[in-house]
N, C-alpha and C. Protein backbone atom coordinates (compact mmCIF):
# COMPACT_ATOMS: atom_id res chain seq x y z
N UNK A 1 8.45 -3.62 -35.56
CA UNK A 1 9.16 -2.34 -35.52
C UNK A 1 8.14 -1.20 -35.48
N UNK A 2 8.41 -0.20 -34.66
CA UNK A 2 7.51 0.94 -34.55
C UNK A 2 7.49 1.72 -35.85
N UNK A 3 6.38 2.34 -36.17
CA UNK A 3 6.29 3.21 -37.34
C UNK A 3 6.15 4.64 -36.86
N UNK A 4 6.45 5.59 -37.77
CA UNK A 4 6.36 6.99 -37.40
C UNK A 4 4.93 7.36 -37.01
N UNK A 5 3.92 6.78 -37.71
CA UNK A 5 2.53 7.10 -37.40
C UNK A 5 2.11 6.48 -36.07
N UNK A 6 2.80 5.41 -35.62
CA UNK A 6 2.41 4.74 -34.38
C UNK A 6 2.86 5.52 -33.15
N UNK A 7 3.91 6.32 -33.29
CA UNK A 7 4.49 7.02 -32.15
C UNK A 7 4.04 8.47 -32.12
N UNK A 8 3.48 8.89 -30.98
CA UNK A 8 3.06 10.28 -30.81
C UNK A 8 4.00 11.06 -29.92
N UNK A 9 4.65 10.37 -28.96
CA UNK A 9 5.55 11.02 -28.01
C UNK A 9 6.88 10.29 -27.95
N UNK A 10 7.96 11.04 -27.88
CA UNK A 10 9.27 10.49 -27.53
C UNK A 10 9.73 11.16 -26.24
N UNK A 11 10.06 10.34 -25.25
CA UNK A 11 10.60 10.82 -23.99
C UNK A 11 12.11 10.56 -23.99
N UNK A 12 12.88 11.63 -23.96
CA UNK A 12 14.34 11.53 -24.04
C UNK A 12 14.97 11.63 -22.65
N UNK A 13 15.91 10.73 -22.37
CA UNK A 13 16.83 10.96 -21.26
C UNK A 13 17.74 12.11 -21.67
N UNK A 14 18.41 12.72 -20.71
CA UNK A 14 19.26 13.86 -21.00
C UNK A 14 20.75 13.49 -20.99
N UNK A 15 21.26 13.16 -19.81
CA UNK A 15 22.69 12.90 -19.63
C UNK A 15 23.09 11.59 -20.30
N UNK A 16 24.00 11.68 -21.26
CA UNK A 16 24.44 10.51 -21.98
C UNK A 16 23.69 10.27 -23.27
N UNK A 17 22.54 10.93 -23.44
CA UNK A 17 21.76 10.81 -24.68
C UNK A 17 21.83 12.10 -25.49
N UNK A 18 21.51 13.22 -24.84
CA UNK A 18 21.55 14.52 -25.52
C UNK A 18 22.87 15.23 -25.30
N UNK A 19 23.43 15.08 -24.11
CA UNK A 19 24.69 15.74 -23.74
C UNK A 19 25.59 14.75 -23.01
N UNK A 20 26.89 14.95 -23.14
CA UNK A 20 27.85 14.04 -22.51
C UNK A 20 28.35 14.67 -21.22
N UNK A 21 27.70 14.32 -20.11
CA UNK A 21 28.02 14.91 -18.81
C UNK A 21 28.48 13.88 -17.78
N UNK A 22 28.42 12.59 -18.12
CA UNK A 22 28.70 11.56 -17.14
C UNK A 22 30.12 11.66 -16.59
N UNK A 23 31.09 12.03 -17.45
CA UNK A 23 32.47 12.15 -16.98
C UNK A 23 32.61 13.28 -15.96
N UNK A 24 31.86 14.37 -16.15
CA UNK A 24 31.89 15.47 -15.17
C UNK A 24 31.36 15.00 -13.82
N UNK A 25 30.26 14.22 -13.86
CA UNK A 25 29.65 13.74 -12.62
C UNK A 25 30.59 12.77 -11.91
N UNK A 26 31.25 11.91 -12.69
CA UNK A 26 32.23 10.99 -12.11
C UNK A 26 33.37 11.78 -11.48
N UNK A 27 33.89 12.77 -12.18
CA UNK A 27 35.01 13.56 -11.67
C UNK A 27 34.65 14.24 -10.35
N UNK A 28 33.49 14.88 -10.32
CA UNK A 28 33.08 15.59 -9.11
C UNK A 28 32.88 14.63 -7.95
N UNK A 29 32.28 13.49 -8.21
CA UNK A 29 32.06 12.49 -7.15
C UNK A 29 33.38 11.93 -6.65
N UNK A 30 34.30 11.62 -7.58
CA UNK A 30 35.59 11.05 -7.19
C UNK A 30 36.41 12.03 -6.35
N UNK A 31 36.37 13.32 -6.71
CA UNK A 31 37.13 14.32 -5.96
C UNK A 31 36.67 14.40 -4.51
N UNK A 32 35.35 14.41 -4.30
CA UNK A 32 34.84 14.56 -2.93
C UNK A 32 34.98 13.27 -2.14
N UNK A 33 34.81 12.12 -2.78
CA UNK A 33 35.00 10.86 -2.06
C UNK A 33 36.46 10.68 -1.67
N UNK A 34 37.37 11.20 -2.47
CA UNK A 34 38.78 11.10 -2.14
C UNK A 34 39.08 11.78 -0.81
N UNK A 35 38.39 12.89 -0.55
CA UNK A 35 38.56 13.59 0.73
C UNK A 35 38.11 12.73 1.90
N UNK A 36 37.17 11.81 1.63
CA UNK A 36 36.67 10.92 2.67
C UNK A 36 37.45 9.61 2.73
N UNK A 37 38.56 9.54 1.98
CA UNK A 37 39.40 8.36 2.01
C UNK A 37 38.94 7.24 1.11
N UNK A 38 38.05 7.54 0.16
CA UNK A 38 37.55 6.53 -0.77
C UNK A 38 38.01 6.89 -2.18
N UNK A 39 38.73 5.96 -2.82
CA UNK A 39 39.17 6.17 -4.20
C UNK A 39 38.15 5.51 -5.12
N UNK A 40 37.29 6.32 -5.71
CA UNK A 40 36.20 5.82 -6.55
C UNK A 40 36.75 5.42 -7.92
N UNK A 41 36.55 4.17 -8.30
CA UNK A 41 36.96 3.72 -9.63
C UNK A 41 35.83 3.94 -10.62
N UNK A 42 36.16 3.97 -11.90
CA UNK A 42 35.14 4.11 -12.93
C UNK A 42 34.19 2.91 -12.91
N UNK A 43 34.74 1.73 -12.60
CA UNK A 43 33.91 0.53 -12.56
C UNK A 43 32.87 0.63 -11.44
N UNK A 44 33.28 1.14 -10.29
CA UNK A 44 32.33 1.34 -9.19
C UNK A 44 31.27 2.37 -9.56
N UNK A 45 31.69 3.46 -10.19
CA UNK A 45 30.75 4.50 -10.60
C UNK A 45 29.72 3.94 -11.58
N UNK A 46 30.18 3.16 -12.54
CA UNK A 46 29.28 2.58 -13.53
C UNK A 46 28.26 1.66 -12.86
N UNK A 47 28.74 0.78 -11.98
CA UNK A 47 27.86 -0.19 -11.34
C UNK A 47 26.87 0.48 -10.40
N UNK A 48 27.36 1.36 -9.56
CA UNK A 48 26.51 1.96 -8.51
C UNK A 48 25.60 3.04 -9.07
N UNK A 49 26.16 3.97 -9.82
CA UNK A 49 25.39 5.12 -10.28
C UNK A 49 24.63 4.85 -11.56
N UNK A 50 25.30 4.33 -12.60
CA UNK A 50 24.68 4.20 -13.90
C UNK A 50 23.80 2.96 -14.03
N UNK A 51 24.17 1.87 -13.36
CA UNK A 51 23.37 0.65 -13.48
C UNK A 51 22.29 0.58 -12.41
N UNK A 52 22.67 0.84 -11.16
CA UNK A 52 21.72 0.66 -10.05
C UNK A 52 20.98 1.93 -9.68
N UNK A 53 21.52 3.08 -10.05
CA UNK A 53 20.88 4.34 -9.68
C UNK A 53 21.00 4.63 -8.20
N UNK A 54 22.03 4.09 -7.56
CA UNK A 54 22.27 4.31 -6.13
C UNK A 54 23.32 5.42 -5.96
N UNK A 55 23.65 5.73 -4.71
CA UNK A 55 24.60 6.80 -4.42
C UNK A 55 25.98 6.24 -4.15
N UNK A 56 26.99 6.76 -4.85
CA UNK A 56 28.36 6.32 -4.60
C UNK A 56 28.84 6.78 -3.22
N UNK A 57 28.14 7.72 -2.61
CA UNK A 57 28.55 8.19 -1.29
C UNK A 57 28.20 7.19 -0.20
N UNK A 58 27.50 6.13 -0.55
CA UNK A 58 27.29 5.02 0.39
C UNK A 58 28.60 4.29 0.66
N UNK A 59 29.62 4.52 -0.18
CA UNK A 59 30.93 3.90 0.03
C UNK A 59 31.71 4.56 1.16
N UNK A 60 31.33 5.78 1.52
CA UNK A 60 32.07 6.54 2.54
C UNK A 60 31.53 6.26 3.94
N UNK A 61 32.42 6.31 4.91
CA UNK A 61 32.02 6.16 6.31
C UNK A 61 31.70 7.53 6.89
N UNK A 62 30.75 7.55 7.81
CA UNK A 62 30.40 8.81 8.44
C UNK A 62 28.92 8.90 8.71
N UNK A 63 28.54 9.87 9.54
CA UNK A 63 27.12 10.02 9.84
C UNK A 63 26.42 10.76 8.70
N UNK A 64 25.09 10.83 8.81
CA UNK A 64 24.29 11.41 7.73
C UNK A 64 24.65 12.88 7.45
N UNK A 65 24.81 13.72 8.46
CA UNK A 65 25.18 15.11 8.16
C UNK A 65 26.48 15.23 7.38
N UNK A 66 27.45 14.39 7.72
CA UNK A 66 28.73 14.43 7.02
C UNK A 66 28.57 14.00 5.56
N UNK A 67 27.85 12.90 5.34
CA UNK A 67 27.65 12.41 3.98
C UNK A 67 26.81 13.40 3.16
N UNK A 68 25.83 14.02 3.81
CA UNK A 68 25.02 15.03 3.11
C UNK A 68 25.87 16.22 2.70
N UNK A 69 26.83 16.58 3.55
CA UNK A 69 27.71 17.71 3.22
C UNK A 69 28.61 17.36 2.04
N UNK A 70 29.06 16.09 1.97
CA UNK A 70 29.86 15.66 0.83
C UNK A 70 29.05 15.74 -0.46
N UNK A 71 27.81 15.28 -0.40
CA UNK A 71 26.95 15.33 -1.59
C UNK A 71 26.72 16.77 -2.04
N UNK A 72 26.48 17.65 -1.07
CA UNK A 72 26.24 19.05 -1.40
C UNK A 72 27.46 19.67 -2.06
N UNK A 73 28.64 19.36 -1.53
CA UNK A 73 29.87 19.90 -2.13
C UNK A 73 30.12 19.27 -3.49
N UNK A 74 29.79 17.97 -3.66
CA UNK A 74 29.90 17.33 -4.98
C UNK A 74 29.01 18.05 -5.98
N UNK A 75 27.78 18.37 -5.57
CA UNK A 75 26.86 19.05 -6.46
C UNK A 75 27.38 20.43 -6.88
N UNK A 76 28.02 21.13 -5.94
CA UNK A 76 28.59 22.43 -6.28
C UNK A 76 29.76 22.26 -7.25
N UNK A 77 30.60 21.25 -7.01
CA UNK A 77 31.73 21.00 -7.91
C UNK A 77 31.23 20.61 -9.30
N UNK A 78 30.20 19.78 -9.35
CA UNK A 78 29.60 19.38 -10.63
C UNK A 78 29.09 20.61 -11.38
N UNK A 79 28.44 21.52 -10.65
CA UNK A 79 27.95 22.75 -11.27
C UNK A 79 29.10 23.58 -11.84
N UNK A 80 30.22 23.64 -11.11
CA UNK A 80 31.38 24.37 -11.61
C UNK A 80 31.88 23.79 -12.93
N UNK A 81 31.90 22.47 -13.02
CA UNK A 81 32.36 21.82 -14.24
C UNK A 81 31.38 22.07 -15.39
N UNK A 82 30.09 22.00 -15.09
CA UNK A 82 29.08 22.24 -16.12
C UNK A 82 29.14 23.67 -16.64
N UNK A 83 29.44 24.61 -15.75
CA UNK A 83 29.46 26.03 -16.12
C UNK A 83 30.55 26.33 -17.14
N UNK A 84 31.51 25.42 -17.29
CA UNK A 84 32.56 25.61 -18.28
C UNK A 84 32.05 25.40 -19.70
N UNK A 85 30.86 24.81 -19.81
CA UNK A 85 30.25 24.62 -21.12
C UNK A 85 30.06 23.16 -21.46
N UNK A 86 28.87 22.82 -21.94
CA UNK A 86 28.54 21.46 -22.34
C UNK A 86 27.95 21.52 -23.75
N UNK A 87 28.49 20.75 -24.65
CA UNK A 87 27.99 20.72 -26.02
C UNK A 87 27.10 19.51 -26.23
N UNK A 88 26.08 19.61 -27.09
CA UNK A 88 25.27 18.43 -27.42
C UNK A 88 26.12 17.35 -28.04
N UNK A 89 25.74 16.11 -27.83
CA UNK A 89 26.39 14.98 -28.48
C UNK A 89 26.22 15.11 -29.99
N UNK A 90 27.19 14.66 -30.73
CA UNK A 90 27.14 14.76 -32.19
C UNK A 90 25.86 14.14 -32.74
N UNK A 91 25.19 14.88 -33.60
CA UNK A 91 23.97 14.39 -34.24
C UNK A 91 22.69 14.72 -33.52
N UNK A 92 22.77 15.24 -32.30
CA UNK A 92 21.57 15.51 -31.52
C UNK A 92 20.70 16.59 -32.18
N UNK A 93 21.30 17.72 -32.53
CA UNK A 93 20.52 18.83 -33.08
C UNK A 93 19.82 18.42 -34.37
N UNK A 94 20.53 17.75 -35.27
CA UNK A 94 19.91 17.36 -36.54
C UNK A 94 18.80 16.32 -36.33
N UNK A 95 18.99 15.45 -35.34
CA UNK A 95 17.97 14.44 -35.04
C UNK A 95 16.70 15.09 -34.50
N UNK A 96 16.85 15.99 -33.54
CA UNK A 96 15.68 16.67 -32.98
C UNK A 96 14.98 17.52 -34.04
N UNK A 97 15.77 18.14 -34.89
CA UNK A 97 15.19 18.96 -35.96
C UNK A 97 14.37 18.09 -36.93
N UNK A 98 14.86 16.89 -37.22
CA UNK A 98 14.16 15.98 -38.13
C UNK A 98 12.85 15.48 -37.53
N UNK A 99 12.80 15.36 -36.22
CA UNK A 99 11.60 14.82 -35.55
C UNK A 99 10.62 15.91 -35.14
N UNK A 100 11.10 17.14 -35.00
CA UNK A 100 10.27 18.23 -34.50
C UNK A 100 9.08 18.48 -35.43
N UNK A 101 7.89 18.51 -34.84
CA UNK A 101 6.68 18.71 -35.61
C UNK A 101 6.06 17.42 -36.12
N UNK A 102 6.80 16.33 -36.04
CA UNK A 102 6.28 15.04 -36.49
C UNK A 102 5.86 14.19 -35.29
N UNK A 103 6.55 14.36 -34.18
CA UNK A 103 6.15 13.75 -32.91
C UNK A 103 6.33 14.80 -31.82
N UNK A 104 5.63 14.63 -30.72
CA UNK A 104 5.84 15.49 -29.57
C UNK A 104 7.00 14.91 -28.76
N UNK A 105 7.74 15.80 -28.08
CA UNK A 105 8.94 15.34 -27.38
C UNK A 105 9.07 15.99 -26.01
N UNK A 106 9.63 15.24 -25.08
CA UNK A 106 9.88 15.73 -23.72
C UNK A 106 11.19 15.15 -23.22
N UNK A 107 11.78 15.80 -22.23
CA UNK A 107 12.97 15.29 -21.56
C UNK A 107 12.57 14.79 -20.18
N UNK A 108 13.04 13.59 -19.84
CA UNK A 108 12.78 12.99 -18.52
C UNK A 108 14.14 12.64 -17.93
N UNK A 109 14.60 13.45 -16.99
CA UNK A 109 15.96 13.32 -16.50
C UNK A 109 16.01 13.19 -14.98
N UNK A 110 17.08 12.59 -14.49
CA UNK A 110 17.33 12.53 -13.05
C UNK A 110 18.15 13.72 -12.56
N UNK A 111 18.56 14.58 -13.48
CA UNK A 111 19.32 15.77 -13.10
C UNK A 111 18.46 16.74 -12.31
N UNK A 112 19.08 17.42 -11.36
CA UNK A 112 18.38 18.51 -10.67
C UNK A 112 18.22 19.69 -11.62
N UNK A 113 17.21 20.51 -11.38
CA UNK A 113 16.89 21.58 -12.32
C UNK A 113 18.03 22.58 -12.47
N UNK A 114 18.73 22.91 -11.38
CA UNK A 114 19.81 23.89 -11.50
C UNK A 114 20.93 23.35 -12.37
N UNK A 115 21.25 22.06 -12.25
CA UNK A 115 22.26 21.45 -13.10
C UNK A 115 21.77 21.38 -14.54
N UNK A 116 20.52 21.02 -14.72
CA UNK A 116 19.95 20.93 -16.06
C UNK A 116 20.03 22.28 -16.77
N UNK A 117 19.68 23.34 -16.06
CA UNK A 117 19.73 24.68 -16.67
C UNK A 117 21.15 25.07 -17.04
N UNK A 118 22.12 24.70 -16.21
CA UNK A 118 23.52 24.97 -16.54
C UNK A 118 23.94 24.20 -17.80
N UNK A 119 23.53 22.96 -17.87
CA UNK A 119 23.89 22.12 -19.02
C UNK A 119 23.39 22.75 -20.32
N UNK A 120 22.17 23.27 -20.29
CA UNK A 120 21.52 23.70 -21.53
C UNK A 120 21.54 25.21 -21.75
N UNK A 121 22.35 25.92 -20.98
CA UNK A 121 22.37 27.37 -21.14
C UNK A 121 22.90 27.79 -22.51
N UNK A 122 23.65 26.90 -23.17
CA UNK A 122 24.16 27.26 -24.49
C UNK A 122 23.89 26.24 -25.57
N UNK A 123 23.05 25.23 -25.31
CA UNK A 123 22.85 24.17 -26.30
C UNK A 123 21.83 24.52 -27.38
N UNK A 124 20.92 25.44 -27.09
CA UNK A 124 19.86 25.85 -28.03
C UNK A 124 18.97 24.67 -28.44
N UNK A 125 18.74 23.74 -27.52
CA UNK A 125 17.91 22.58 -27.81
C UNK A 125 16.50 22.66 -27.24
N UNK A 126 16.26 23.56 -26.29
CA UNK A 126 15.02 23.52 -25.53
C UNK A 126 13.77 23.77 -26.36
N UNK A 127 13.91 24.45 -27.47
CA UNK A 127 12.75 24.74 -28.31
C UNK A 127 12.13 23.52 -28.96
N UNK A 128 12.82 22.40 -28.91
CA UNK A 128 12.29 21.19 -29.53
C UNK A 128 11.35 20.41 -28.61
N UNK A 129 11.29 20.80 -27.34
CA UNK A 129 10.59 19.97 -26.36
C UNK A 129 9.30 20.62 -25.84
N UNK A 130 8.29 19.76 -25.65
CA UNK A 130 7.00 20.23 -25.15
C UNK A 130 7.01 20.44 -23.64
N UNK A 131 7.80 19.64 -22.93
CA UNK A 131 7.98 19.86 -21.49
C UNK A 131 9.25 19.16 -21.02
N UNK A 132 9.70 19.56 -19.83
CA UNK A 132 10.91 19.01 -19.21
C UNK A 132 10.56 18.53 -17.81
N UNK A 133 10.98 17.32 -17.46
CA UNK A 133 10.85 16.82 -16.09
C UNK A 133 12.24 16.60 -15.52
N UNK A 134 12.50 17.18 -14.35
CA UNK A 134 13.79 17.01 -13.68
C UNK A 134 13.57 16.33 -12.33
N UNK A 135 14.65 16.14 -11.59
CA UNK A 135 14.60 15.37 -10.34
C UNK A 135 13.56 15.90 -9.36
N UNK A 136 13.31 17.17 -9.38
CA UNK A 136 12.35 17.76 -8.45
C UNK A 136 10.90 17.38 -8.76
N UNK A 137 10.66 16.79 -9.91
CA UNK A 137 9.29 16.49 -10.34
C UNK A 137 8.80 15.13 -9.90
N UNK A 138 9.64 14.33 -9.24
CA UNK A 138 9.21 13.02 -8.75
C UNK A 138 9.94 12.65 -7.47
N UNK A 139 9.30 11.81 -6.71
CA UNK A 139 9.87 11.38 -5.43
C UNK A 139 10.97 10.35 -5.63
N UNK A 140 10.73 9.41 -6.53
CA UNK A 140 11.69 8.33 -6.79
C UNK A 140 12.33 8.54 -8.15
N UNK A 141 13.63 8.33 -8.22
CA UNK A 141 14.33 8.50 -9.48
C UNK A 141 14.54 7.15 -10.17
N UNK A 142 15.07 7.17 -11.36
CA UNK A 142 15.35 5.94 -12.10
C UNK A 142 16.32 5.08 -11.28
N UNK A 143 16.13 3.74 -11.23
CA UNK A 143 15.32 2.89 -12.10
C UNK A 143 13.84 2.73 -11.70
N UNK A 144 13.38 3.46 -10.72
CA UNK A 144 11.96 3.43 -10.38
C UNK A 144 11.15 3.93 -11.57
N UNK A 145 9.96 3.40 -11.80
CA UNK A 145 9.16 3.83 -12.96
C UNK A 145 8.54 5.23 -12.83
N UNK A 146 8.59 5.83 -11.64
CA UNK A 146 7.88 7.09 -11.43
C UNK A 146 8.24 8.18 -12.45
N UNK A 147 9.52 8.38 -12.83
CA UNK A 147 9.79 9.44 -13.80
C UNK A 147 9.00 9.28 -15.10
N UNK A 148 8.95 8.07 -15.64
CA UNK A 148 8.22 7.88 -16.90
C UNK A 148 6.71 7.80 -16.70
N UNK A 149 6.26 7.35 -15.55
CA UNK A 149 4.83 7.41 -15.25
C UNK A 149 4.39 8.88 -15.14
N UNK A 150 5.25 9.70 -14.56
CA UNK A 150 4.96 11.14 -14.48
C UNK A 150 4.89 11.75 -15.87
N UNK A 151 5.78 11.33 -16.75
CA UNK A 151 5.76 11.82 -18.13
C UNK A 151 4.48 11.40 -18.85
N UNK A 152 4.03 10.18 -18.60
CA UNK A 152 2.78 9.73 -19.21
C UNK A 152 1.60 10.57 -18.73
N UNK A 153 1.56 10.85 -17.44
CA UNK A 153 0.49 11.69 -16.89
C UNK A 153 0.53 13.08 -17.48
N UNK A 154 1.71 13.68 -17.54
CA UNK A 154 1.87 15.04 -18.05
C UNK A 154 1.49 15.13 -19.54
N UNK A 155 1.85 14.13 -20.30
CA UNK A 155 1.58 14.15 -21.74
C UNK A 155 0.19 13.68 -22.11
N UNK A 156 -0.46 12.95 -21.18
CA UNK A 156 -1.73 12.29 -21.46
C UNK A 156 -1.59 11.34 -22.64
N UNK A 157 -0.38 10.79 -22.81
CA UNK A 157 -0.11 9.91 -23.93
C UNK A 157 -0.53 8.47 -23.67
N UNK A 158 -0.84 7.77 -24.75
CA UNK A 158 -1.11 6.34 -24.71
C UNK A 158 0.24 5.63 -24.65
N UNK A 159 0.49 4.80 -23.62
CA UNK A 159 1.79 4.13 -23.52
C UNK A 159 2.19 3.40 -24.79
N UNK A 160 1.22 2.87 -25.53
CA UNK A 160 1.53 2.13 -26.75
C UNK A 160 2.01 3.05 -27.86
N UNK A 161 1.79 4.36 -27.70
CA UNK A 161 2.19 5.32 -28.72
C UNK A 161 3.30 6.25 -28.22
N UNK A 162 3.98 5.80 -27.17
CA UNK A 162 5.10 6.55 -26.61
C UNK A 162 6.37 5.72 -26.71
N UNK A 163 7.50 6.40 -26.86
CA UNK A 163 8.78 5.74 -26.97
C UNK A 163 9.80 6.48 -26.11
N UNK A 164 10.68 5.73 -25.46
CA UNK A 164 11.74 6.30 -24.63
C UNK A 164 13.09 6.09 -25.32
N UNK A 165 13.98 7.06 -25.18
CA UNK A 165 15.36 6.91 -25.65
C UNK A 165 16.28 7.08 -24.45
N UNK A 166 17.06 6.05 -24.13
CA UNK A 166 17.92 6.01 -22.95
C UNK A 166 19.32 5.55 -23.32
N UNK A 167 20.24 5.70 -22.37
CA UNK A 167 21.60 5.21 -22.58
C UNK A 167 22.06 4.27 -21.47
N UNK A 168 21.32 4.19 -20.36
CA UNK A 168 21.79 3.43 -19.20
C UNK A 168 20.82 2.31 -18.83
N UNK A 169 21.35 1.35 -18.08
CA UNK A 169 20.52 0.23 -17.63
C UNK A 169 19.42 0.71 -16.69
N UNK A 170 19.74 1.62 -15.79
CA UNK A 170 18.71 2.09 -14.85
C UNK A 170 17.62 2.86 -15.58
N UNK A 171 17.99 3.60 -16.62
CA UNK A 171 16.98 4.31 -17.40
C UNK A 171 16.08 3.36 -18.16
N UNK A 172 16.68 2.31 -18.75
CA UNK A 172 15.91 1.29 -19.44
C UNK A 172 14.94 0.61 -18.48
N UNK A 173 15.42 0.25 -17.30
CA UNK A 173 14.55 -0.42 -16.31
C UNK A 173 13.39 0.48 -15.91
N UNK A 174 13.64 1.77 -15.77
CA UNK A 174 12.58 2.72 -15.43
C UNK A 174 11.52 2.75 -16.52
N UNK A 175 11.95 2.82 -17.77
CA UNK A 175 11.00 2.89 -18.89
C UNK A 175 10.18 1.61 -19.00
N UNK A 176 10.86 0.47 -18.93
CA UNK A 176 10.16 -0.81 -19.07
C UNK A 176 9.17 -1.02 -17.92
N UNK A 177 9.57 -0.64 -16.70
CA UNK A 177 8.68 -0.77 -15.55
C UNK A 177 7.44 0.12 -15.69
N UNK A 178 7.57 1.19 -16.46
CA UNK A 178 6.42 2.08 -16.71
C UNK A 178 5.58 1.61 -17.89
N UNK A 179 5.97 0.49 -18.49
CA UNK A 179 5.20 -0.08 -19.59
C UNK A 179 5.50 0.54 -20.94
N UNK A 180 6.72 1.07 -21.11
CA UNK A 180 7.07 1.78 -22.34
C UNK A 180 8.15 1.05 -23.12
N UNK A 181 8.08 1.17 -24.44
CA UNK A 181 9.16 0.69 -25.29
C UNK A 181 10.34 1.64 -25.17
N UNK A 182 11.54 1.08 -25.26
CA UNK A 182 12.73 1.91 -25.04
C UNK A 182 13.82 1.56 -26.05
N UNK A 183 14.30 2.57 -26.75
CA UNK A 183 15.51 2.44 -27.56
C UNK A 183 16.69 2.81 -26.69
N UNK A 184 17.77 2.07 -26.78
CA UNK A 184 18.97 2.35 -25.98
C UNK A 184 20.13 2.68 -26.91
N UNK A 185 20.82 3.77 -26.58
CA UNK A 185 22.04 4.15 -27.27
C UNK A 185 23.15 4.12 -26.22
N UNK A 186 23.85 3.00 -26.07
CA UNK A 186 24.83 2.88 -24.98
C UNK A 186 25.97 3.87 -25.12
N UNK A 187 26.33 4.49 -24.00
CA UNK A 187 27.50 5.36 -23.98
C UNK A 187 28.75 4.56 -23.63
N UNK A 188 29.89 5.22 -23.68
CA UNK A 188 31.16 4.53 -23.42
C UNK A 188 31.22 3.94 -22.01
N UNK A 189 30.56 4.57 -21.05
CA UNK A 189 30.65 4.12 -19.67
C UNK A 189 29.74 2.92 -19.36
N UNK A 190 28.77 2.64 -20.22
CA UNK A 190 27.82 1.59 -19.86
C UNK A 190 27.57 0.56 -20.96
N UNK A 191 28.54 0.36 -21.82
CA UNK A 191 28.34 -0.59 -22.93
C UNK A 191 28.23 -2.03 -22.46
N UNK A 192 28.72 -2.34 -21.26
CA UNK A 192 28.66 -3.71 -20.76
C UNK A 192 27.41 -3.98 -19.92
N UNK A 193 26.48 -3.04 -19.90
CA UNK A 193 25.27 -3.20 -19.10
C UNK A 193 24.30 -4.18 -19.77
N UNK A 194 23.29 -4.57 -19.02
CA UNK A 194 22.27 -5.50 -19.51
C UNK A 194 21.14 -4.71 -20.18
N UNK A 195 21.10 -4.75 -21.50
CA UNK A 195 20.05 -4.06 -22.26
C UNK A 195 19.11 -5.05 -22.94
N UNK A 196 18.97 -6.23 -22.36
CA UNK A 196 18.19 -7.30 -23.01
C UNK A 196 16.72 -6.96 -23.13
N UNK A 197 16.19 -6.05 -22.32
CA UNK A 197 14.77 -5.71 -22.39
C UNK A 197 14.50 -4.50 -23.30
N UNK A 198 15.54 -3.99 -23.96
CA UNK A 198 15.36 -2.84 -24.85
C UNK A 198 14.57 -3.25 -26.09
N UNK A 199 13.80 -2.32 -26.63
CA UNK A 199 13.08 -2.56 -27.88
C UNK A 199 14.08 -2.68 -29.03
N UNK A 200 15.15 -1.88 -28.95
CA UNK A 200 16.24 -1.96 -29.91
C UNK A 200 17.44 -1.25 -29.31
N UNK A 201 18.63 -1.64 -29.76
CA UNK A 201 19.87 -0.99 -29.35
C UNK A 201 20.47 -0.32 -30.59
N UNK A 202 20.68 0.99 -30.51
CA UNK A 202 21.20 1.76 -31.63
C UNK A 202 22.63 2.19 -31.34
N UNK A 203 23.37 2.48 -32.38
CA UNK A 203 24.74 2.94 -32.22
C UNK A 203 24.82 4.44 -32.02
N UNK A 204 23.96 5.20 -32.72
CA UNK A 204 24.01 6.65 -32.66
C UNK A 204 22.60 7.23 -32.66
N UNK A 205 22.48 8.43 -32.14
CA UNK A 205 21.17 9.08 -32.05
C UNK A 205 20.58 9.38 -33.41
N UNK A 206 21.43 9.55 -34.42
CA UNK A 206 20.93 9.86 -35.77
C UNK A 206 20.14 8.71 -36.38
N UNK A 207 20.19 7.52 -35.77
CA UNK A 207 19.42 6.38 -36.25
C UNK A 207 17.96 6.44 -35.84
N UNK A 208 17.62 7.28 -34.86
CA UNK A 208 16.26 7.27 -34.32
C UNK A 208 15.21 7.61 -35.38
N UNK A 209 15.32 8.69 -36.15
CA UNK A 209 14.28 8.97 -37.16
C UNK A 209 14.11 7.85 -38.18
N UNK A 210 15.20 7.30 -38.65
CA UNK A 210 15.11 6.21 -39.62
C UNK A 210 14.51 4.95 -39.02
N UNK A 211 14.82 4.68 -37.76
CA UNK A 211 14.23 3.53 -37.10
C UNK A 211 12.72 3.68 -37.00
N UNK A 212 12.25 4.86 -36.69
CA UNK A 212 10.81 5.07 -36.57
C UNK A 212 10.12 4.92 -37.92
N UNK A 213 10.77 5.35 -38.98
CA UNK A 213 10.17 5.19 -40.31
C UNK A 213 10.10 3.73 -40.70
């Protein structure tokens, strides 16, 4: 088991770990795919987006410009939903407060920066983090290891003294492929995923400080 003195950096996923936004993303994707004649189920969304990290718009027929336009409109709809307000998941603020100053922390997310800024415009969480990496900061997104390899480069951290906190199978695969230990806190949409390579599976984010001790 990791100790508090052994860990210098915690790299946090954002969506599903710090804030609950997955339902908004599913809603926006389902609305636009419906216009293309595709009825997106939650099971398809979980498998394609949350487990594989692929695009649900591959389900739609059409040429690239048409599919790109659907994605762009989905992103605008997602932004509209986020602008209504997103609250941190229960226990997030107290957990970050307990860890702040004892370990360094960063966010490593697949969200685009404009969506990320909308999500956190009212959360008051950003002061806990040393840096933020969003989709624009890497060429390949999760489950590719590049996001967490980028975090290692940015932090100059020793992989053995870094820890990742994720909620999805694709996020776990990204962390493990980068050579990092990963705690997983499964969300409602991905509890049936394969988390066998996780360092530990936790029920709630408030368990993280105690686990490190």
